[in-house]
Amino acid sequence: MPSRRTLLLAGLAGGVVGIGLAAVLVVAGVLERSPGSVDASPAFLGAYERSRRATFAMDAAFSRTMPDGRRLESAAFVAQRPPDSIRRQLGGVRGVVGGRRLNCSTAAGGDHCGPGGPAPPFEEAIVRELAILRSYFAGEAPLYAVRAAGDGCFELDQRRAVIEPPYGERAVMCFDPSTGAMRALEVRHPGGVTDRLEAVTIRTEVSDADFTTTRDGAYDPTIVPTS
């Protein structure tokens, strides 16, 4: 039978925002609602596209905080050298390398990488992601309103009820001005769960070694109990 710790990890990790889109980077704190703010979706879409086309390697810290104060934490690593990209987080590795998808997880007795199917062409994937994002802000009843929050950040505020909002009730995304990387993301999910991912360092030098799938325990998850 699974251990109590395994069950707790599964419960805490369930529903973590995936960052192929990753992704999730976060800004500490909560911004006030601003219903009358100017629509910043065009600027946000431009920043998002730049981040997907950027070349960088980023070390980051991820946390998921539950309503009762329990917290799941993990170091994270994101590398991009389009069309290749990779993300290490919560003991797993995901991405696209050499035109094929990566999906590796830590299992009992070692690591396991599932069969990697072919990934769509990079330009096709970018166009599709932008079309999906654009649909969230379109029409008379958009799913999200977008406003500029300063310092390269954008706030996405849910305006229409759906069962599983893709960016929760509210998300804040921040982009690094020099590299274009999404340096921070915070997503507040329905029910009071909050995911945060925040960059520690960002570099523009990217090598083949950044795309290895070799196991690294530094990215395994840890549980921080309530105080």
C-alpha atoms as a PDB file:
ATOM      1  CA  MET A   1       0.000   0.000   0.000  1.00  0.00           C
ATOM      2  CA  PRO A   2       1.182   3.565  -0.619  1.00  0.00           C
ATOM      3  CA  SER A   3       2.773   5.235   2.375  1.00  0.00           C
ATOM      4  CA  ARG A   4       1.081   8.169   4.131  1.00  0.00           C
ATOM      5  CA  ARG A   5       3.775  10.481   2.734  1.00  0.00           C
ATOM      6  CA  THR A   6       3.158   9.218  -0.814  1.00  0.00           C
ATOM      7  CA  LEU A   7      -0.574   9.851  -0.479  1.00  0.00           C
ATOM      8  CA  LEU A   8       0.056  13.321   0.947  1.00  0.00           C
ATOM      9  CA  LEU A   9       2.438  14.183  -1.888  1.00  0.00           C
ATOM     10  CA  ALA A  10      -0.110  13.007  -4.428  1.00  0.00           C
ATOM     11  CA  GLY A  11      -2.811  15.121  -2.832  1.00  0.00           C
ATOM     12  CA  LEU A  12      -0.657  18.204  -2.693  1.00  0.00           C
ATOM     13  CA  ALA A  13       0.734  17.767  -6.179  1.00  0.00           C
ATOM     14  CA  GLY A  14      -2.602  17.039  -7.854  1.00  0.00           C
ATOM     15  CA  GLY A  15      -3.573  19.706 -10.333  1.00  0.00           C
ATOM     16  CA  VAL A  16      -0.261  21.543 -10.290  1.00  0.00           C
ATOM     17  CA  VAL A  17      -0.160  23.907 -13.230  1.00  0.00           C
ATOM     18  CA  GLY A  18       1.963  22.305 -15.919  1.00  0.00           C
ATOM     19  CA  ILE A  19       4.242  24.522 -17.501  1.00  0.00           C
ATOM     20  CA  GLY A  20       4.928  23.309 -20.936  1.00  0.00           C
ATOM     21  CA  LEU A  21       2.752  26.127 -20.844  1.00  0.00           C
ATOM     22  CA  ALA A  22       3.826  26.219 -18.472  1.00  0.00           C
ATOM     23  CA  ALA A  23       4.298  26.222 -16.734  1.00  0.00           C
ATOM     24  CA  VAL A  24       3.878  28.461 -13.270  1.00  0.00           C
ATOM     25  CA  LEU A  25       6.015  31.321 -11.975  1.00  0.00           C
ATOM     26  CA  VAL A  26       4.757  33.531  -9.221  1.00  0.00           C
ATOM     27  CA  VAL A  27       4.823  36.897  -7.651  1.00  0.00           C
ATOM     28  CA  ALA A  28       4.322  37.079  -3.898  1.00  0.00           C
ATOM     29  CA  GLY A  29       1.275  38.992  -2.744  1.00  0.00           C
ATOM     30  CA  VAL A  30      -2.219  39.626  -4.090  1.00  0.00           C
ATOM     31  CA  LEU A  31      -3.155  42.485  -6.381  1.00  0.00           C
ATOM     32  CA  GLU A  32      -6.411  44.381  -5.965  1.00  0.00           C
ATOM     33  CA  ARG A  33      -9.150  43.898  -8.546  1.00  0.00           C
ATOM     34  CA  SER A  34      -9.435  46.707 -11.076  1.00  0.00           C
ATOM     35  CA  PRO A  35     -12.599  46.158 -13.150  1.00  0.00           C
ATOM     36  CA  GLY A  36     -12.127  49.418 -15.015  1.00  0.00           C
ATOM     37  CA  SER A  37      -8.538  48.859 -16.077  1.00  0.00           C
ATOM     38  CA  VAL A  38      -7.489  49.230 -19.711  1.00  0.00           C
ATOM     39  CA  ASP A  39      -7.364  45.929 -21.628  1.00  0.00           C
ATOM     40  CA  ALA A  40      -3.724  44.854 -21.707  1.00  0.00           C
ATOM     41  CA  SER A  41      -4.250  41.569 -23.562  1.00  0.00           C
ATOM     42  CA  PRO A  42      -2.372  42.685 -26.739  1.00  0.00           C
ATOM     43  CA  ALA A  43       0.726  43.569 -24.687  1.00  0.00           C
ATOM     44  CA  PHE A  44       0.405  40.357 -22.685  1.00  0.00           C
ATOM     45  CA  LEU A  45       0.161  38.219 -25.832  1.00  0.00           C
ATOM     46  CA  GLY A  46       3.250  39.936 -27.210  1.00  0.00           C
ATOM     47  CA  ALA A  47       5.200  39.282 -24.017  1.00  0.00           C
ATOM     48  CA  TYR A  48       4.038  35.668 -23.917  1.00  0.00           C
ATOM     49  CA  GLU A  49       5.074  35.041 -27.540  1.00  0.00           C
ATOM     50  CA  ARG A  50       8.479  36.596 -26.882  1.00  0.00           C
ATOM     51  CA  SER A  51       8.935  34.308 -23.861  1.00  0.00           C
ATOM     52  CA  ARG A  52       8.171  31.205 -25.945  1.00  0.00           C
ATOM     53  CA  ARG A  53      10.694  32.203 -28.601  1.00  0.00           C
ATOM     54  CA  ALA A  54      13.429  33.187 -26.127  1.00  0.00           C
ATOM     55  CA  THR A  55      16.628  31.234 -25.479  1.00  0.00           C
ATOM     56  CA  PHE A  56      17.467  30.967 -21.776  1.00  0.00           C
ATOM     57  CA  ALA A  57      18.055  28.646 -18.825  1.00  0.00           C
ATOM     58  CA  MET A  58      16.344  29.452 -15.546  1.00  0.00           C
ATOM     59  CA  ASP A  59      16.657  28.079 -12.030  1.00  0.00           C
ATOM     60  CA  ALA A  60      13.488  28.682 -10.027  1.00  0.00           C
ATOM     61  CA  ALA A  61      11.557  27.770  -6.886  1.00  0.00           C
ATOM     62  CA  PHE A  62       8.081  26.241  -6.977  1.00  0.00           C
ATOM     63  CA  SER A  63       5.549  26.023  -4.152  1.00  0.00           C
ATOM     64  CA  ARG A  64       1.923  24.949  -3.821  1.00  0.00           C
ATOM     65  CA  THR A  65       0.170  26.228  -0.690  1.00  0.00           C
ATOM     66  CA  MET A  66      -3.002  24.530   0.547  1.00  0.00           C
ATOM     67  CA  PRO A  67      -5.803  26.353   2.419  1.00  0.00           C
ATOM     68  CA  ASP A  68      -4.740  24.656   5.687  1.00  0.00           C
ATOM     69  CA  GLY A  69      -1.177  25.972   5.356  1.00  0.00           C
ATOM     70  CA  ARG A  70       0.522  22.791   4.154  1.00  0.00           C
ATOM     71  CA  ARG A  71       3.007  23.480   1.384  1.00  0.00           C
ATOM     72  CA  LEU A  72       4.616  21.396  -1.343  1.00  0.00           C
ATOM     73  CA  GLU A  73       7.971  22.757  -2.519  1.00  0.00           C
ATOM     74  CA  SER A  74      10.370  21.888  -5.302  1.00  0.00           C
ATOM     75  CA  ALA A  75      13.316  23.406  -7.077  1.00  0.00           C
ATOM     76  CA  ALA A  76      12.604  23.926 -10.768  1.00  0.00           C
ATOM     77  CA  PHE A  77      14.664  24.316 -13.922  1.00  0.00           C
ATOM     78  CA  VAL A  78      13.494  25.564 -17.313  1.00  0.00           C
ATOM     79  CA  ALA A  79      15.662  25.645 -20.439  1.00  0.00           C
ATOM     80  CA  GLN A  80      14.654  26.839 -23.894  1.00  0.00           C
ATOM     81  CA  ARG A  81      16.554  26.809 -27.151  1.00  0.00           C
ATOM     82  CA  PRO A  82      13.737  26.784 -29.695  1.00  0.00           C
ATOM     83  CA  PRO A  83      12.451  24.440 -30.847  1.00  0.00           C
ATOM     84  CA  ASP A  84      13.779  22.500 -27.822  1.00  0.00           C
ATOM     85  CA  SER A  85      12.517  23.115 -24.287  1.00  0.00           C
ATOM     86  CA  ILE A  86      12.655  21.248 -21.000  1.00  0.00           C
ATOM     87  CA  ARG A  87      11.306  21.636 -17.463  1.00  0.00           C
ATOM     88  CA  ARG A  88      12.436  19.854 -14.302  1.00  0.00           C
ATOM     89  CA  GLN A  89      10.071  20.055 -11.340  1.00  0.00           C
ATOM     90  CA  LEU A  90       8.492  17.817  -8.678  1.00  0.00           C
ATOM     91  CA  GLY A  91      10.770  14.906  -9.571  1.00  0.00           C
ATOM     92  CA  GLY A  92       9.761  14.859 -13.239  1.00  0.00           C
ATOM     93  CA  VAL A  93      11.032  16.098 -16.573  1.00  0.00           C
ATOM     94  CA  ARG A  94       8.827  17.343 -19.405  1.00  0.00           C
ATOM     95  CA  GLY A  95       9.468  19.098 -22.656  1.00  0.00           C
ATOM     96  CA  VAL A  96      10.285  18.754 -26.324  1.00  0.00           C
ATOM     97  CA  VAL A  97      13.771  17.736 -27.474  1.00  0.00           C
ATOM     98  CA  GLY A  98      14.759  16.762 -30.979  1.00  0.00           C
ATOM     99  CA  GLY A  99      11.202  17.029 -32.208  1.00  0.00           C
ATOM    100  CA  ARG A 100       9.845  14.515 -29.688  1.00  0.00           C
ATOM    101  CA  ARG A 101       7.932  14.979 -26.444  1.00  0.00           C
ATOM    102  CA  LEU A 102       9.569  14.183 -23.094  1.00  0.00           C
ATOM    103  CA  ASN A 103       7.588  12.926 -20.113  1.00  0.00           C
ATOM    104  CA  CYS A 104       9.787  11.440 -17.394  1.00  0.00           C
ATOM    105  CA  SER A 105       8.877  10.741 -13.780  1.00  0.00           C
ATOM    106  CA  THR A 106      10.617   9.314 -10.744  1.00  0.00           C
ATOM    107  CA  ALA A 107       9.268   5.839  -9.976  1.00  0.00           C
ATOM    108  CA  ALA A 108      10.153   3.229  -7.387  1.00  0.00           C
ATOM    109  CA  GLY A 109      13.516   1.783  -8.351  1.00  0.00           C
ATOM    110  CA  GLY A 110      14.526   4.592 -10.672  1.00  0.00           C
ATOM    111  CA  ASP A 111      13.367   6.954 -13.385  1.00  0.00           C
ATOM    112  CA  HIS A 112      10.877   6.217 -16.122  1.00  0.00           C
ATOM    113  CA  CYS A 113      10.460   8.088 -19.396  1.00  0.00           C
ATOM    114  CA  GLY A 114       7.309   7.270 -21.289  1.00  0.00           C
ATOM    115  CA  PRO A 115       7.387   6.788 -25.055  1.00  0.00           C
ATOM    116  CA  GLY A 116       7.962  10.211 -26.596  1.00  0.00           C
ATOM    117  CA  GLY A 117       5.636  10.883 -29.501  1.00  0.00           C
ATOM    118  CA  PRO A 118       6.445  13.447 -32.158  1.00  0.00           C
ATOM    119  CA  ALA A 119       5.840  17.055 -31.167  1.00  0.00           C
ATOM    120  CA  PRO A 120       4.047  19.449 -33.526  1.00  0.00           C
ATOM    121  CA  PRO A 121       6.258  21.853 -35.474  1.00  0.00           C
ATOM    122  CA  PHE A 122       7.409  24.730 -33.284  1.00  0.00           C
ATOM    123  CA  GLU A 123       5.725  27.497 -35.289  1.00  0.00           C
ATOM    124  CA  GLU A 124       2.485  25.524 -35.402  1.00  0.00           C
ATOM    125  CA  ALA A 125       2.583  25.068 -31.614  1.00  0.00           C
ATOM    126  CA  ILE A 126       3.170  28.797 -31.031  1.00  0.00           C
ATOM    127  CA  VAL A 127       0.276  29.783 -33.294  1.00  0.00           C
ATOM    128  CA  ARG A 128      -2.024  27.331 -31.503  1.00  0.00           C
ATOM    129  CA  GLU A 129      -1.013  28.504 -28.000  1.00  0.00           C
ATOM    130  CA  LEU A 130      -1.555  32.150 -28.932  1.00  0.00           C
ATOM    131  CA  ALA A 131      -4.951  31.372 -30.460  1.00  0.00           C
ATOM    132  CA  ILE A 132      -6.045  29.599 -27.279  1.00  0.00           C
ATOM    133  CA  LEU A 133      -4.837  32.473 -25.093  1.00  0.00           C
ATOM    134  CA  ARG A 134      -6.474  35.046 -27.353  1.00  0.00           C
ATOM    135  CA  SER A 135      -9.801  33.215 -27.035  1.00  0.00           C
ATOM    136  CA  TYR A 136      -9.705  33.717 -23.252  1.00  0.00           C
ATOM    137  CA  PHE A 137      -9.862  37.497 -23.728  1.00  0.00           C
ATOM    138  CA  ALA A 138     -12.285  37.705 -26.660  1.00  0.00           C
ATOM    139  CA  GLY A 139     -16.000  38.401 -26.978  1.00  0.00           C
ATOM    140  CA  GLU A 140     -18.544  40.221 -24.871  1.00  0.00           C
ATOM    141  CA  ALA A 141     -18.044  37.803 -21.963  1.00  0.00           C
ATOM    142  CA  PRO A 142     -14.296  37.020 -21.889  1.00  0.00           C
ATOM    143  CA  LEU A 143     -13.005  34.352 -19.559  1.00  0.00           C
ATOM    144  CA  TYR A 144     -10.277  36.687 -18.263  1.00  0.00           C
ATOM    145  CA  ALA A 145      -9.649  40.405 -18.109  1.00  0.00           C
ATOM    146  CA  VAL A 146      -5.994  41.407 -18.455  1.00  0.00           C
ATOM    147  CA  ARG A 147      -4.341  44.465 -16.978  1.00  0.00           C
ATOM    148  CA  ALA A 148      -0.739  45.627 -16.813  1.00  0.00           C
ATOM    149  CA  ALA A 149       0.544  45.400 -13.240  1.00  0.00           C
ATOM    150  CA  GLY A 150       3.929  47.115 -13.660  1.00  0.00           C
ATOM    151  CA  ASP A 151       7.496  45.766 -13.762  1.00  0.00           C
ATOM    152  CA  GLY A 152       6.751  43.553 -16.761  1.00  0.00           C
ATOM    153  CA  CYS A 153       3.808  41.873 -14.997  1.00  0.00           C
ATOM    154  CA  PHE A 154       0.255  41.174 -16.114  1.00  0.00           C
ATOM    155  CA  GLU A 155      -2.766  40.185 -14.032  1.00  0.00           C
ATOM    156  CA  LEU A 156      -5.357  37.783 -15.440  1.00  0.00           C
ATOM    157  CA  ASP A 157      -8.619  38.085 -13.508  1.00  0.00           C
ATOM    158  CA  GLN A 158     -11.390  35.530 -14.095  1.00  0.00           C
ATOM    159  CA  ARG A 159     -14.658  37.100 -15.240  1.00  0.00           C
ATOM    160  CA  ARG A 160     -16.735  34.132 -16.409  1.00  0.00           C
ATOM    161  CA  ALA A 161     -17.444  30.938 -14.479  1.00  0.00           C
ATOM    162  CA  VAL A 162     -16.063  27.662 -15.870  1.00  0.00           C
ATOM    163  CA  ILE A 163     -15.486  24.335 -14.119  1.00  0.00           C
ATOM    164  CA  GLU A 164     -11.681  24.343 -14.396  1.00  0.00           C
ATOM    165  CA  PRO A 165     -10.359  27.813 -15.255  1.00  0.00           C
ATOM    166  CA  PRO A 166      -6.975  27.286 -17.011  1.00  0.00           C
ATOM    167  CA  TYR A 167      -5.294  30.035 -14.985  1.00  0.00           C
ATOM    168  CA  GLY A 168      -7.396  29.740 -11.869  1.00  0.00           C
ATOM    169  CA  GLU A 169      -9.412  32.595 -10.426  1.00  0.00           C
ATOM    170  CA  ARG A 170      -6.465  34.910 -10.803  1.00  0.00           C
ATOM    171  CA  ALA A 171      -2.973  34.675 -12.243  1.00  0.00           C
ATOM    172  CA  VAL A 172      -0.046  37.073 -12.300  1.00  0.00           C
ATOM    173  CA  MET A 173       2.695  36.576 -14.900  1.00  0.00           C
ATOM    174  CA  CYS A 174       5.914  38.557 -15.000  1.00  0.00           C
ATOM    175  CA  PHE A 175       8.413  38.664 -17.862  1.00  0.00           C
ATOM    176  CA  ASP A 176      12.130  39.405 -17.695  1.00  0.00           C
ATOM    177  CA  PRO A 177      12.874  42.503 -19.816  1.00  0.00           C
ATOM    178  CA  SER A 178      16.338  41.401 -20.965  1.00  0.00           C
ATOM    179  CA  THR A 179      15.765  37.723 -21.838  1.00  0.00           C
ATOM    180  CA  GLY A 180      12.001  37.684 -22.360  1.00  0.00           C
ATOM    181  CA  ALA A 181      11.657  34.681 -20.045  1.00  0.00           C
ATOM    182  CA  MET A 182       8.541  34.340 -17.911  1.00  0.00           C
ATOM    183  CA  ARG A 183      10.325  34.963 -14.629  1.00  0.00           C
ATOM    184  CA  ALA A 184       7.360  34.642 -12.283  1.00  0.00           C
ATOM    185  CA  LEU A 185       3.862  33.182 -12.192  1.00  0.00           C
ATOM    186  CA  GLU A 186       1.272  32.988  -9.450  1.00  0.00           C
ATOM    187  CA  VAL A 187      -2.000  31.114  -9.914  1.00  0.00           C
ATOM    188  CA  ARG A 188      -4.782  31.189  -7.325  1.00  0.00           C
ATOM    189  CA  HIS A 189      -7.065  28.209  -7.880  1.00  0.00           C
ATOM    190  CA  PRO A 190     -10.693  27.851  -6.786  1.00  0.00           C
ATOM    191  CA  GLY A 191     -10.810  26.583  -3.212  1.00  0.00           C
ATOM    192  CA  GLY A 192      -7.845  28.602  -1.999  1.00  0.00           C
ATOM    193  CA  VAL A 193      -4.886  26.640  -3.414  1.00  0.00           C
ATOM    194  CA  THR A 194      -2.059  28.880  -4.663  1.00  0.00           C
ATOM    195  CA  ASP A 195       0.821  27.865  -6.958  1.00  0.00           C
ATOM    196  CA  ARG A 196       3.944  29.969  -7.179  1.00  0.00           C
ATOM    197  CA  LEU A 197       7.007  29.697  -9.383  1.00  0.00           C
ATOM    198  CA  GLU A 198       9.687  32.370  -9.171  1.00  0.00           C
ATOM    199  CA  ALA A 199      13.029  32.640 -10.924  1.00  0.00           C
ATOM    200  CA  VAL A 200      16.228  32.548  -8.896  1.00  0.00           C
ATOM    201  CA  THR A 201      18.675  33.015 -11.779  1.00  0.00           C
ATOM    202  CA  ILE A 202      18.285  33.399 -15.550  1.00  0.00           C
ATOM    203  CA  ARG A 203      21.111  32.983 -18.056  1.00  0.00           C
ATOM    204  CA  THR A 204      21.220  33.234 -21.831  1.00  0.00           C
ATOM    205  CA  GLU A 205      23.952  30.619 -22.331  1.00  0.00           C
ATOM    206  CA  VAL A 206      22.257  27.274 -23.038  1.00  0.00           C
ATOM    207  CA  SER A 207      24.098  24.024 -23.762  1.00  0.00           C
ATOM    208  CA  ASP A 208      23.203  20.441 -24.702  1.00  0.00           C
ATOM    209  CA  ALA A 209      23.794  19.460 -21.059  1.00  0.00           C
ATOM    210  CA  ASP A 210      20.756  21.521 -20.035  1.00  0.00           C
ATOM    211  CA  PHE A 211      18.503  19.080 -21.904  1.00  0.00           C
ATOM    212  CA  THR A 212      19.617  15.885 -20.192  1.00  0.00           C
ATOM    213  CA  THR A 213      16.997  13.628 -18.592  1.00  0.00           C
ATOM    214  CA  THR A 214      19.440  12.145 -16.072  1.00  0.00           C
ATOM    215  CA  ARG A 215      17.908  11.951 -12.607  1.00  0.00           C
ATOM    216  CA  ASP A 216      18.702  14.800 -10.202  1.00  0.00           C
ATOM    217  CA  GLY A 217      17.296  14.521  -6.679  1.00  0.00           C
ATOM    218  CA  ALA A 218      17.605  18.296  -6.228  1.00  0.00           C
ATOM    219  CA  TYR A 219      14.249  18.601  -8.016  1.00  0.00           C
ATOM    220  CA  ASP A 220      12.348  16.104  -5.859  1.00  0.00           C
ATOM    221  CA  PRO A 221       9.345  17.498  -3.945  1.00  0.00           C
ATOM    222  CA  THR A 222       9.313  18.142  -0.204  1.00  0.00           C
ATOM    223  CA  ILE A 223       6.417  18.725   2.191  1.00  0.00           C
ATOM    224  CA  VAL A 224       6.378  21.665   4.604  1.00  0.00           C
ATOM    225  CA  PRO A 225       3.778  20.970   7.317  1.00  0.00           C
ATOM    226  CA  THR A 226       1.651  23.596   8.982  1.00  0.00           C
ATOM    227  CA  SER A 227       3.428  25.446  11.776  1.00  0.00           C
END
